[in-house]
PDB file of N, CA and C in Angstrom:
ATOM      1  N   MET A   1     -30.769  29.000 -27.564  1.00  0.00           N
ATOM      2  CA  MET A   1     -29.983  29.018 -26.353  1.00  0.00           C
ATOM      3  C   MET A   1     -29.861  27.615 -25.769  1.00  0.00           C
ATOM      4  N   GLU A   2     -30.946  26.841 -25.785  1.00  0.00           N
ATOM      5  CA  GLU A   2     -30.925  25.473 -25.283  1.00  0.00           C
ATOM      6  C   GLU A   2     -30.000  24.598 -26.115  1.00  0.00           C
ATOM      7  N   LEU A   3     -29.958  24.797 -27.413  1.00  0.00           N
ATOM      8  CA  LEU A   3     -29.102  23.995 -28.285  1.00  0.00           C
ATOM      9  C   LEU A   3     -27.632  24.250 -27.974  1.00  0.00           C
ATOM     10  N   GLY A   4     -27.247  25.491 -27.748  1.00  0.00           N
ATOM     11  CA  GLY A   4     -25.869  25.836 -27.417  1.00  0.00           C
ATOM     12  C   GLY A   4     -25.451  25.228 -26.077  1.00  0.00           C
ATOM     13  N   ARG A   5     -26.347  25.300 -25.140  1.00  0.00           N
ATOM     14  CA  ARG A   5     -26.067  24.733 -23.822  1.00  0.00           C
ATOM     15  C   ARG A   5     -25.933  23.220 -23.887  1.00  0.00           C
ATOM     16  N   ALA A   6     -26.787  22.583 -24.657  1.00  0.00           N
ATOM     17  CA  ALA A   6     -26.739  21.131 -24.826  1.00  0.00           C
ATOM     18  C   ALA A   6     -25.431  20.714 -25.486  1.00  0.00           C
ATOM     19  N   LEU A   7     -24.942  21.494 -26.456  1.00  0.00           N
ATOM     20  CA  LEU A   7     -23.674  21.176 -27.112  1.00  0.00           C
ATOM     21  C   LEU A   7     -22.500  21.309 -26.141  1.00  0.00           C
ATOM     22  N   VAL A   8     -22.535  22.329 -25.289  1.00  0.00           N
ATOM     23  CA  VAL A   8     -21.462  22.513 -24.308  1.00  0.00           C
ATOM     24  C   VAL A   8     -21.462  21.352 -23.320  1.00  0.00           C
ATOM     25  N   VAL A   9     -22.641  20.997 -22.824  1.00  0.00           N
ATOM     26  CA  VAL A   9     -22.747  19.880 -21.871  1.00  0.00           C
ATOM     27  C   VAL A   9     -22.302  18.578 -22.543  1.00  0.00           C
ATOM     28  N   SER A  10     -22.701  18.396 -23.785  1.00  0.00           N
ATOM     29  CA  SER A  10     -22.305  17.197 -24.524  1.00  0.00           C
ATOM     30  C   SER A  10     -20.791  17.133 -24.690  1.00  0.00           C
ATOM     31  N   GLY A  11     -20.153  18.252 -24.957  1.00  0.00           N
ATOM     32  CA  GLY A  11     -18.691  18.291 -25.095  1.00  0.00           C
ATOM     33  C   GLY A  11     -18.002  17.966 -23.781  1.00  0.00           C
ATOM     34  N   ILE A  12     -18.550  18.482 -22.689  1.00  0.00           N
ATOM     35  CA  ILE A  12     -17.967  18.207 -21.367  1.00  0.00           C
ATOM     36  C   ILE A  12     -18.098  16.724 -21.038  1.00  0.00           C
ATOM     37  N   VAL A  13     -19.248  16.145 -21.313  1.00  0.00           N
ATOM     38  CA  VAL A  13     -19.481  14.731 -21.042  1.00  0.00           C
ATOM     39  C   VAL A  13     -18.517  13.879 -21.863  1.00  0.00           C
ATOM     40  N   ARG A  14     -18.311  14.243 -23.142  1.00  0.00           N
ATOM     41  CA  ARG A  14     -17.375  13.488 -23.979  1.00  0.00           C
ATOM     42  C   ARG A  14     -15.955  13.560 -23.435  1.00  0.00           C
ATOM     43  N   LYS A  15     -15.532  14.735 -22.958  1.00  0.00           N
ATOM     44  CA  LYS A  15     -14.187  14.882 -22.396  1.00  0.00           C
ATOM     45  C   LYS A  15     -14.034  14.042 -21.132  1.00  0.00           C
ATOM     46  N   ILE A  16     -15.043  14.032 -20.291  1.00  0.00           N
ATOM     47  CA  ILE A  16     -15.002  13.233 -19.063  1.00  0.00           C
ATOM     48  C   ILE A  16     -14.929  11.748 -19.409  1.00  0.00           C
ATOM     49  N   MET A  17     -15.736  11.321 -20.373  1.00  0.00           N
ATOM     50  CA  MET A  17     -15.720   9.908 -20.774  1.00  0.00           C
ATOM     51  C   MET A  17     -14.370   9.531 -21.373  1.00  0.00           C
ATOM     52  N   LEU A  18     -13.788  10.387 -22.203  1.00  0.00           N
ATOM     53  CA  LEU A  18     -12.492  10.111 -22.803  1.00  0.00           C
ATOM     54  C   LEU A  18     -11.402  10.022 -21.730  1.00  0.00           C
ATOM     55  N   THR A  19     -11.423  10.951 -20.778  1.00  0.00           N
ATOM     56  CA  THR A  19     -10.453  10.933 -19.688  1.00  0.00           C
ATOM     57  C   THR A  19     -10.598   9.655 -18.861  1.00  0.00           C
ATOM     58  N   THR A  20     -11.808   9.263 -18.580  1.00  0.00           N
ATOM     59  CA  THR A  20     -12.063   8.042 -17.820  1.00  0.00           C
ATOM     60  C   THR A  20     -11.560   6.815 -18.571  1.00  0.00           C
ATOM     61  N   LEU A  21     -11.821   6.747 -19.871  1.00  0.00           N
ATOM     62  CA  LEU A  21     -11.349   5.609 -20.667  1.00  0.00           C
ATOM     63  C   LEU A  21      -9.825   5.544 -20.711  1.00  0.00           C
ATOM     64  N   ILE A  22      -9.165   6.677 -20.824  1.00  0.00           N
ATOM     65  CA  ILE A  22      -7.700   6.710 -20.828  1.00  0.00           C
ATOM     66  C   ILE A  22      -7.166   6.218 -19.482  1.00  0.00           C
ATOM     67  N   ALA A  23      -7.744   6.723 -18.397  1.00  0.00           N
ATOM     68  CA  ALA A  23      -7.298   6.310 -17.060  1.00  0.00           C
ATOM     69  C   ALA A  23      -7.514   4.815 -16.852  1.00  0.00           C
ATOM     70  N   LEU A  24      -8.647   4.288 -17.266  1.00  0.00           N
ATOM     71  CA  LEU A  24      -8.921   2.859 -17.116  1.00  0.00           C
ATOM     72  C   LEU A  24      -7.991   2.006 -17.973  1.00  0.00           C
ATOM     73  N   SER A  25      -7.677   2.474 -19.173  1.00  0.00           N
ATOM     74  CA  SER A  25      -6.772   1.690 -20.021  1.00  0.00           C
ATOM     75  C   SER A  25      -5.358   1.682 -19.446  1.00  0.00           C
ATOM     76  N   LEU A  26      -4.918   2.800 -18.868  1.00  0.00           N
ATOM     77  CA  LEU A  26      -3.603   2.822 -18.224  1.00  0.00           C
ATOM     78  C   LEU A  26      -3.577   1.904 -17.011  1.00  0.00           C
ATOM     79  N   ALA A  27      -4.646   1.887 -16.243  1.00  0.00           N
ATOM     80  CA  ALA A  27      -4.718   1.019 -15.072  1.00  0.00           C
ATOM     81  C   ALA A  27      -4.732  -0.453 -15.480  1.00  0.00           C
ATOM     82  N   ALA A  28      -5.356  -0.761 -16.601  1.00  0.00           N
ATOM     83  CA  ALA A  28      -5.410  -2.146 -17.067  1.00  0.00           C
ATOM     84  C   ALA A  28      -4.042  -2.645 -17.502  1.00  0.00           C
ATOM     85  N   TRP A  29      -3.195  -1.767 -18.032  1.00  0.00           N
ATOM     86  CA  TRP A  29      -1.868  -2.162 -18.505  1.00  0.00           C
ATOM     87  C   TRP A  29      -0.825  -2.148 -17.400  1.00  0.00           C
ATOM     88  N   ALA A  30      -1.122  -1.525 -16.286  1.00  0.00           N
ATOM     89  CA  ALA A  30      -0.147  -1.435 -15.190  1.00  0.00           C
ATOM     90  C   ALA A  30       0.046  -2.818 -14.570  1.00  0.00           C
ATOM     91  N   THR A  31       1.283  -3.146 -14.250  1.00  0.00           N
ATOM     92  CA  THR A  31       1.550  -4.412 -13.576  1.00  0.00           C
ATOM     93  C   THR A  31       1.854  -4.123 -12.115  1.00  0.00           C
ATOM     94  N   PRO A  32       1.202  -4.848 -11.219  1.00  0.00           N
ATOM     95  CA  PRO A  32       1.449  -4.595  -9.801  1.00  0.00           C
ATOM     96  C   PRO A  32       2.846  -5.062  -9.406  1.00  0.00           C
ATOM     97  N   ALA A  33       3.443  -4.347  -8.498  1.00  0.00           N
ATOM     98  CA  ALA A  33       4.749  -4.741  -7.972  1.00  0.00           C
ATOM     99  C   ALA A  33       4.547  -5.861  -6.957  1.00  0.00           C
ATOM    100  N   THR A  34       5.471  -6.779  -6.935  1.00  0.00           N
ATOM    101  CA  THR A  34       5.380  -7.867  -5.967  1.00  0.00           C
ATOM    102  C   THR A  34       6.441  -7.673  -4.899  1.00  0.00           C
ATOM    103  N   ALA A  35       5.991  -7.668  -3.692  1.00  0.00           N
ATOM    104  CA  ALA A  35       6.895  -7.563  -2.543  1.00  0.00           C
ATOM    105  C   ALA A  35       6.458  -8.623  -1.550  1.00  0.00           C
ATOM    106  N   TYR A  36       7.390  -9.473  -1.183  1.00  0.00           N
ATOM    107  CA  TYR A  36       7.062 -10.551  -0.263  1.00  0.00           C
ATOM    108  C   TYR A  36       7.628 -10.257   1.118  1.00  0.00           C
ATOM    109  N   VAL A  37       6.741 -10.276   2.097  1.00  0.00           N
ATOM    110  CA  VAL A  37       7.123 -10.147   3.506  1.00  0.00           C
ATOM    111  C   VAL A  37       6.322 -11.209   4.255  1.00  0.00           C
ATOM    112  N   LEU A  38       7.016 -12.005   5.040  1.00  0.00           N
ATOM    113  CA  LEU A  38       6.378 -13.120   5.722  1.00  0.00           C
ATOM    114  C   LEU A  38       6.808 -13.135   7.176  1.00  0.00           C
ATOM    115  N   GLN A  39       5.848 -13.304   8.047  1.00  0.00           N
ATOM    116  CA  GLN A  39       6.150 -13.496   9.462  1.00  0.00           C
ATOM    117  C   GLN A  39       5.708 -14.917   9.799  1.00  0.00           C
ATOM    118  N   ILE A  40       6.618 -15.693  10.347  1.00  0.00           N
ATOM    119  CA  ILE A  40       6.324 -17.099  10.596  1.00  0.00           C
ATOM    120  C   ILE A  40       6.895 -17.519  11.946  1.00  0.00           C
ATOM    121  N   ALA A  41       6.173 -18.396  12.613  1.00  0.00           N
ATOM    122  CA  ALA A  41       6.627 -18.916  13.911  1.00  0.00           C
ATOM    123  C   ALA A  41       7.141 -20.338  13.723  1.00  0.00           C
ATOM    124  N   ALA A  42       8.186 -20.648  14.447  1.00  0.00           N
ATOM    125  CA  ALA A  42       8.764 -21.994  14.434  1.00  0.00           C
ATOM    126  C   ALA A  42       9.110 -22.357  15.865  1.00  0.00           C
ATOM    127  N   SER A  43       9.322 -23.637  16.106  1.00  0.00           N
ATOM    128  CA  SER A  43       9.700 -24.034  17.461  1.00  0.00           C
ATOM    129  C   SER A  43      10.730 -25.151  17.402  1.00  0.00           C
ATOM    130  N   ILE A  44      11.524 -25.188  18.456  1.00  0.00           N
ATOM    131  CA  ILE A  44      12.510 -26.246  18.643  1.00  0.00           C
ATOM    132  C   ILE A  44      12.411 -26.715  20.086  1.00  0.00           C
ATOM    133  N   PRO A  45      12.812 -27.948  20.357  1.00  0.00           N
ATOM    134  CA  PRO A  45      12.766 -28.420  21.744  1.00  0.00           C
ATOM    135  C   PRO A  45      13.824 -27.718  22.603  1.00  0.00           C
ATOM    136  N   VAL A  46      13.495 -27.452  23.838  1.00  0.00           N
ATOM    137  CA  VAL A  46      14.438 -26.833  24.773  1.00  0.00           C
ATOM    138  C   VAL A  46      15.670 -27.712  24.930  1.00  0.00           C
ATOM    139  N   ALA A  47      15.497 -29.022  24.842  1.00  0.00           N
ATOM    140  CA  ALA A  47      16.615 -29.953  25.004  1.00  0.00           C
ATOM    141  C   ALA A  47      17.710 -29.715  23.967  1.00  0.00           C
ATOM    142  N   SER A  48      17.350 -29.112  22.814  1.00  0.00           N
ATOM    143  CA  SER A  48      18.350 -28.863  21.773  1.00  0.00           C
ATOM    144  C   SER A  48      19.159 -27.604  22.060  1.00  0.00           C
ATOM    145  N   ALA A  49      18.910 -26.962  23.193  1.00  0.00           N
ATOM    146  CA  ALA A  49      19.611 -25.726  23.536  1.00  0.00           C
ATOM    147  C   ALA A  49      20.468 -25.898  24.792  1.00  0.00           C
ATOM    148  N   ASP A  50      21.063 -27.059  24.943  1.00  0.00           N
ATOM    149  CA  ASP A  50      21.896 -27.306  26.116  1.00  0.00           C
ATOM    150  C   ASP A  50      23.109 -26.390  26.181  1.00  0.00           C
ATOM    151  N   ASP A  51      23.688 -26.077  25.017  1.00  0.00           N
ATOM    152  CA  ASP A  51      24.806 -25.134  24.973  1.00  0.00           C
ATOM    153  C   ASP A  51      24.645 -24.258  23.724  1.00  0.00           C
ATOM    154  N   ASP A  52      25.501 -23.259  23.595  1.00  0.00           N
ATOM    155  CA  ASP A  52      25.380 -22.304  22.493  1.00  0.00           C
ATOM    156  C   ASP A  52      25.511 -22.961  21.123  1.00  0.00           C
ATOM    157  N   THR A  53      26.397 -23.919  21.021  1.00  0.00           N
ATOM    158  CA  THR A  53      26.613 -24.590  19.736  1.00  0.00           C
ATOM    159  C   THR A  53      25.369 -25.350  19.309  1.00  0.00           C
ATOM    160  N   GLN A  54      24.780 -26.102  20.231  1.00  0.00           N
ATOM    161  CA  GLN A  54      23.556 -26.848  19.917  1.00  0.00           C
ATOM    162  C   GLN A  54      22.410 -25.906  19.572  1.00  0.00           C
ATOM    163  N   LEU A  55      22.310 -24.795  20.294  1.00  0.00           N
ATOM    164  CA  LEU A  55      21.254 -23.827  20.024  1.00  0.00           C
ATOM    165  C   LEU A  55      21.411 -23.246  18.621  1.00  0.00           C
ATOM    166  N   LYS A  56      22.640 -22.852  18.245  1.00  0.00           N
ATOM    167  CA  LYS A  56      22.879 -22.313  16.904  1.00  0.00           C
ATOM    168  C   LYS A  56      22.513 -23.326  15.827  1.00  0.00           C
ATOM    169  N   VAL A  57      22.917 -24.567  16.033  1.00  0.00           N
ATOM    170  CA  VAL A  57      22.614 -25.620  15.055  1.00  0.00           C
ATOM    171  C   VAL A  57      21.104 -25.812  14.935  1.00  0.00           C
ATOM    172  N   ALA A  58      20.395 -25.840  16.049  1.00  0.00           N
ATOM    173  CA  ALA A  58      18.944 -26.050  16.034  1.00  0.00           C
ATOM    174  C   ALA A  58      18.223 -24.886  15.369  1.00  0.00           C
ATOM    175  N   VAL A  59      18.614 -23.652  15.703  1.00  0.00           N
ATOM    176  CA  VAL A  59      17.970 -22.477  15.105  1.00  0.00           C
ATOM    177  C   VAL A  59      18.258 -22.427  13.608  1.00  0.00           C
ATOM    178  N   ASN A  60      19.510 -22.642  13.211  1.00  0.00           N
ATOM    179  CA  ASN A  60      19.845 -22.651  11.787  1.00  0.00           C
ATOM    180  C   ASN A  60      19.106 -23.751  11.046  1.00  0.00           C
ATOM    181  N   SER A  61      18.938 -24.889  11.676  1.00  0.00           N
ATOM    182  CA  SER A  61      18.223 -26.000  11.061  1.00  0.00           C
ATOM    183  C   SER A  61      16.755 -25.651  10.807  1.00  0.00           C
ATOM    184  N   VAL A  62      16.101 -25.056  11.808  1.00  0.00           N
ATOM    185  CA  VAL A  62      14.685 -24.710  11.636  1.00  0.00           C
ATOM    186  C   VAL A  62      14.522 -23.600  10.599  1.00  0.00           C
ATOM    187  N   ILE A  63      15.443 -22.646  10.570  1.00  0.00           N
ATOM    188  CA  ILE A  63      15.375 -21.580   9.569  1.00  0.00           C
ATOM    189  C   ILE A  63      15.603 -22.148   8.171  1.00  0.00           C
ATOM    190  N   ASP A  64      16.597 -23.009   8.017  1.00  0.00           N
ATOM    191  CA  ASP A  64      16.849 -23.646   6.717  1.00  0.00           C
ATOM    192  C   ASP A  64      15.645 -24.452   6.254  1.00  0.00           C
ATOM    193  N   ASP A  65      15.002 -25.156   7.177  1.00  0.00           N
ATOM    194  CA  ASP A  65      13.814 -25.934   6.834  1.00  0.00           C
ATOM    195  C   ASP A  65      12.700 -25.029   6.316  1.00  0.00           C
ATOM    196  N   ILE A  66      12.487 -23.899   6.972  1.00  0.00           N
ATOM    197  CA  ILE A  66      11.459 -22.950   6.528  1.00  0.00           C
ATOM    198  C   ILE A  66      11.812 -22.401   5.150  1.00  0.00           C
ATOM    199  N   LEU A  67      13.063 -22.009   4.955  1.00  0.00           N
ATOM    200  CA  LEU A  67      13.473 -21.426   3.677  1.00  0.00           C
ATOM    201  C   LEU A  67      13.377 -22.445   2.539  1.00  0.00           C
ATOM    202  N   GLN A  68      13.626 -23.707   2.834  1.00  0.00           N
ATOM    203  CA  GLN A  68      13.594 -24.744   1.802  1.00  0.00           C
ATOM    204  C   GLN A  68      12.175 -25.237   1.497  1.00  0.00           C
ATOM    205  N   HIS A  69      11.299 -25.286   2.520  1.00  0.00           N
ATOM    206  CA  HIS A  69      10.012 -25.960   2.330  1.00  0.00           C
ATOM    207  C   HIS A  69       8.763 -25.102   2.535  1.00  0.00           C
ATOM    208  N   ALA A  70       8.873 -23.965   3.182  1.00  0.00           N
ATOM    209  CA  ALA A  70       7.656 -23.225   3.543  1.00  0.00           C
ATOM    210  C   ALA A  70       7.408 -21.984   2.701  1.00  0.00           C
ATOM    211  N   ILE A  71       8.411 -21.492   1.997  1.00  0.00           N
ATOM    212  CA  ILE A  71       8.207 -20.277   1.217  1.00  0.00           C
ATOM    213  C   ILE A  71       8.555 -20.529  -0.246  1.00  0.00           C
ATOM    214  N   ALA A  72       7.963 -19.725  -1.122  1.00  0.00           N
ATOM    215  CA  ALA A  72       8.159 -19.916  -2.559  1.00  0.00           C
ATOM    216  C   ALA A  72       8.825 -18.706  -3.203  1.00  0.00           C
ATOM    217  N   PHE A  73       9.620 -17.968  -2.451  1.00  0.00           N
ATOM    218  CA  PHE A  73      10.360 -16.843  -3.017  1.00  0.00           C
ATOM    219  C   PHE A  73      11.769 -16.859  -2.455  1.00  0.00           C
ATOM    220  N   ALA A  74      12.664 -16.135  -3.104  1.00  0.00           N
ATOM    221  CA  ALA A  74      14.063 -16.091  -2.662  1.00  0.00           C
ATOM    222  C   ALA A  74      14.235 -14.942  -1.671  1.00  0.00           C
ATOM    223  N   PRO A  75      14.393 -15.232  -0.390  1.00  0.00           N
ATOM    224  CA  PRO A  75      14.508 -14.166   0.606  1.00  0.00           C
ATOM    225  C   PRO A  75      15.877 -13.496   0.563  1.00  0.00           C
ATOM    226  N   THR A  76      15.878 -12.220   0.896  1.00  0.00           N
ATOM    227  CA  THR A  76      17.134 -11.482   1.036  1.00  0.00           C
ATOM    228  C   THR A  76      17.369 -11.074   2.481  1.00  0.00           C
ATOM    229  N   ALA A  77      16.346 -11.220   3.326  1.00  0.00           N
ATOM    230  CA  ALA A  77      16.491 -10.864   4.738  1.00  0.00           C
ATOM    231  C   ALA A  77      15.707 -11.846   5.591  1.00  0.00           C
ATOM    232  N   VAL A  78      16.351 -12.332   6.634  1.00  0.00           N
ATOM    233  CA  VAL A  78      15.706 -13.185   7.628  1.00  0.00           C
ATOM    234  C   VAL A  78      16.119 -12.635   8.988  1.00  0.00           C
ATOM    235  N   THR A  79      15.143 -12.201   9.788  1.00  0.00           N
ATOM    236  CA  THR A  79      15.457 -11.671  11.109  1.00  0.00           C
ATOM    237  C   THR A  79      14.614 -12.383  12.160  1.00  0.00           C
ATOM    238  N   VAL A  80      15.200 -12.563  13.323  1.00  0.00           N
ATOM    239  CA  VAL A  80      14.478 -13.122  14.457  1.00  0.00           C
ATOM    240  C   VAL A  80      13.805 -11.952  15.174  1.00  0.00           C
ATOM    241  N   GLN A  81      12.480 -11.965  15.223  1.00  0.00           N
ATOM    242  CA  GLN A  81      11.722 -10.890  15.855  1.00  0.00           C
ATOM    243  C   GLN A  81      11.535 -11.129  17.347  1.00  0.00           C
ATOM    244  N   ASP A  82      11.379 -12.395  17.724  1.00  0.00           N
ATOM    245  CA  ASP A  82      11.129 -12.710  19.128  1.00  0.00           C
ATOM    246  C   ASP A  82      11.438 -14.186  19.350  1.00  0.00           C
ATOM    247  N   ALA A  83      11.793 -14.527  20.547  1.00  0.00           N
ATOM    248  CA  ALA A  83      12.004 -15.923  20.934  1.00  0.00           C
ATOM    249  C   ALA A  83      11.571 -16.072  22.383  1.00  0.00           C
ATOM    250  N   ARG A  84      10.798 -17.123  22.651  1.00  0.00           N
ATOM    251  CA  ARG A  84      10.297 -17.357  24.009  1.00  0.00           C
ATOM    252  C   ARG A  84      10.308 -18.849  24.324  1.00  0.00           C
ATOM    253  N   VAL A  85      10.539 -19.134  25.571  1.00  0.00           N
ATOM    254  CA  VAL A  85      10.465 -20.510  26.044  1.00  0.00           C
ATOM    255  C   VAL A  85       9.091 -20.696  26.669  1.00  0.00           C
ATOM    256  N   VAL A  86       8.366 -21.697  26.167  1.00  0.00           N
ATOM    257  CA  VAL A  86       7.053 -22.042  26.708  1.00  0.00           C
ATOM    258  C   VAL A  86       7.056 -23.553  26.918  1.00  0.00           C
ATOM    259  N   GLY A  87       7.026 -23.934  28.181  1.00  0.00           N
ATOM    260  CA  GLY A  87       7.074 -25.364  28.488  1.00  0.00           C
ATOM    261  C   GLY A  87       8.413 -25.954  28.065  1.00  0.00           C
ATOM    262  N   ASP A  88       8.346 -26.979  27.249  1.00  0.00           N
ATOM    263  CA  ASP A  88       9.569 -27.632  26.790  1.00  0.00           C
ATOM    264  C   ASP A  88       9.944 -27.251  25.358  1.00  0.00           C
ATOM    265  N   ARG A  89       9.429 -26.115  24.863  1.00  0.00           N
ATOM    266  CA  ARG A  89       9.699 -25.662  23.498  1.00  0.00           C
ATOM    267  C   ARG A  89      10.234 -24.233  23.500  1.00  0.00           C
ATOM    268  N   ILE A  90      11.053 -23.921  22.535  1.00  0.00           N
ATOM    269  CA  ILE A  90      11.493 -22.543  22.274  1.00  0.00           C
ATOM    270  C   ILE A  90      10.766 -22.102  21.009  1.00  0.00           C
ATOM    271  N   TYR A  91       9.957 -21.068  21.112  1.00  0.00           N
ATOM    272  CA  TYR A  91       9.217 -20.547  19.970  1.00  0.00           C
ATOM    273  C   TYR A  91       9.962 -19.337  19.419  1.00  0.00           C
ATOM    274  N   ILE A  92      10.178 -19.347  18.114  1.00  0.00           N
ATOM    275  CA  ILE A  92      10.943 -18.302  17.438  1.00  0.00           C
ATOM    276  C   ILE A  92      10.039 -17.658  16.397  1.00  0.00           C
ATOM    277  N   LEU A  93       9.946 -16.331  16.425  1.00  0.00           N
ATOM    278  CA  LEU A  93       9.156 -15.582  15.453  1.00  0.00           C
ATOM    279  C   LEU A  93      10.126 -14.953  14.453  1.00  0.00           C
ATOM    280  N   LEU A  94       9.987 -15.330  13.180  1.00  0.00           N
ATOM    281  CA  LEU A  94      10.881 -14.861  12.129  1.00  0.00           C
ATOM    282  C   LEU A  94      10.173 -13.902  11.193  1.00  0.00           C
ATOM    283  N   LEU A  95      10.914 -12.928  10.680  1.00  0.00           N
ATOM    284  CA  LEU A  95      10.438 -12.035   9.633  1.00  0.00           C
ATOM    285  C   LEU A  95      11.322 -12.285   8.423  1.00  0.00           C
ATOM    286  N   ILE A  96      10.696 -12.674   7.308  1.00  0.00           N
ATOM    287  CA  ILE A  96      11.422 -13.025   6.090  1.00  0.00           C
ATOM    288  C   ILE A  96      10.913 -12.139   4.965  1.00  0.00           C
ATOM    289  N   ALA A  97      11.836 -11.558   4.174  1.00  0.00           N
ATOM    290  CA  ALA A  97      11.434 -10.660   3.094  1.00  0.00           C
ATOM    291  C   ALA A  97      12.360 -10.814   1.899  1.00  0.00           C
ATOM    292  N   ASP A  98      11.826 -10.501   0.718  1.00  0.00           N
ATOM    293  CA  ASP A  98      12.680 -10.417  -0.461  1.00  0.00           C
ATOM    294  C   ASP A  98      13.136  -8.961  -0.604  1.00  0.00           C
ATOM    295  N   GLY A  99      13.866  -8.641  -1.654  1.00  0.00           N
ATOM    296  CA  GLY A  99      14.396  -7.281  -1.827  1.00  0.00           C
ATOM    297  C   GLY A  99      13.320  -6.217  -1.837  1.00  0.00           C
ATOM    298  N   ASP A 100      12.239  -6.449  -2.605  1.00  0.00           N
ATOM    299  CA  ASP A 100      11.148  -5.478  -2.649  1.00  0.00           C
ATOM    300  C   ASP A 100      10.424  -5.406  -1.313  1.00  0.00           C
ATOM    301  N   GLY A 101      10.317  -6.529  -0.639  1.00  0.00           N
ATOM    302  CA  GLY A 101       9.690  -6.544   0.687  1.00  0.00           C
ATOM    303  C   GLY A 101      10.499  -5.767   1.704  1.00  0.00           C
ATOM    304  N   GLU A 102      11.829  -5.859   1.603  1.00  0.00           N
ATOM    305  CA  GLU A 102      12.692  -5.070   2.492  1.00  0.00           C
ATOM    306  C   GLU A 102      12.446  -3.579   2.281  1.00  0.00           C
ATOM    307  N   GLU A 103      12.357  -3.187   1.018  1.00  0.00           N
ATOM    308  CA  GLU A 103      12.122  -1.767   0.702  1.00  0.00           C
ATOM    309  C   GLU A 103      10.756  -1.322   1.225  1.00  0.00           C
ATOM    310  N   THR A 104       9.758  -2.161   1.072  1.00  0.00           N
ATOM    311  CA  THR A 104       8.425  -1.842   1.586  1.00  0.00           C
ATOM    312  C   THR A 104       8.462  -1.676   3.102  1.00  0.00           C
ATOM    313  N   MET A 105       9.167  -2.566   3.783  1.00  0.00           N
ATOM    314  CA  MET A 105       9.272  -2.468   5.240  1.00  0.00           C
ATOM    315  C   MET A 105       9.975  -1.177   5.649  1.00  0.00           C
ATOM    316  N   ARG A 106      11.027  -0.786   4.920  1.00  0.00           N
ATOM    317  CA  ARG A 106      11.722   0.476   5.230  1.00  0.00           C
ATOM    318  C   ARG A 106      10.760   1.658   5.109  1.00  0.00           C
ATOM    319  N   GLN A 107       9.944   1.648   4.063  1.00  0.00           N
ATOM    320  CA  GLN A 107       8.995   2.745   3.866  1.00  0.00           C
ATOM    321  C   GLN A 107       7.924   2.755   4.945  1.00  0.00           C
ATOM    322  N   LEU A 108       7.499   1.590   5.399  1.00  0.00           N
ATOM    323  CA  LEU A 108       6.499   1.535   6.469  1.00  0.00           C
ATOM    324  C   LEU A 108       7.079   1.990   7.798  1.00  0.00           C
ATOM    325  N   ILE A 109       8.348   1.671   8.038  1.00  0.00           N
ATOM    326  CA  ILE A 109       8.984   2.061   9.285  1.00  0.00           C
ATOM    327  C   ILE A 109       9.283   3.552   9.298  1.00  0.00           C
ATOM    328  N   ASP A 110       9.689   4.129   8.149  1.00  0.00           N
ATOM    329  CA  ASP A 110      10.035   5.546   8.049  1.00  0.00           C
ATOM    330  C   ASP A 110       9.045   6.251   7.115  1.00  0.00           C
ATOM    331  N   PRO A 111       7.872   6.673   7.633  1.00  0.00           N
ATOM    332  CA  PRO A 111       6.868   7.282   6.770  1.00  0.00           C
ATOM    333  C   PRO A 111       7.277   8.644   6.213  1.00  0.00           C
ATOM    334  N   ASP A 112       8.324   9.268   6.765  1.00  0.00           N
ATOM    335  CA  ASP A 112       8.762  10.572   6.275  1.00  0.00           C
ATOM    336  C   ASP A 112       9.714  10.450   5.100  1.00  0.00           C
ATOM    337  N   GLN A 113      10.029   9.229   4.695  1.00  0.00           N
ATOM    338  CA  GLN A 113      10.944   9.013   3.586  1.00  0.00           C
ATOM    339  C   GLN A 113      10.294   9.538   2.312  1.00  0.00           C
ATOM    340  N   THR A 114      11.004  10.361   1.564  1.00  0.00           N
ATOM    341  CA  THR A 114      10.431  10.951   0.346  1.00  0.00           C
ATOM    342  C   THR A 114      10.897  10.245  -0.912  1.00  0.00           C
ATOM    343  N   GLU A 115      12.011   9.529  -0.849  1.00  0.00           N
ATOM    344  CA  GLU A 115      12.515   8.821  -2.008  1.00  0.00           C
ATOM    345  C   GLU A 115      11.931   7.420  -2.048  1.00  0.00           C
ATOM    346  N   LEU A 116      11.733   6.916  -3.267  1.00  0.00           N
ATOM    347  CA  LEU A 116      11.249   5.543  -3.416  1.00  0.00           C
ATOM    348  C   LEU A 116      12.362   4.616  -3.749  1.00  0.00           C
TER     349      LEU A 116
END
């Protein structure tokens, strides 16, 4: 009776080990998805916002500078999250994302979404 029980337990242990090895090998071959989402603050002098045209030029300039020198991915979305005047500076909070990052943000904003 002990021999039969030992064989059954041994078979169960082998199945568990085989299942674990298969799961680990699949996990080792899986490649993680890359999604880039970046929140960054920038500032411009208040003096550069004397009129709408100057403000647009200054904001576009600071955004272009960030896109050219501060990030290492190709963004598909750039949004201004907040802007505040503090002293003699205008601080701008930007949200920058690539295509996969945009999709990730949509899923985080709408948790009831069932499609990927």
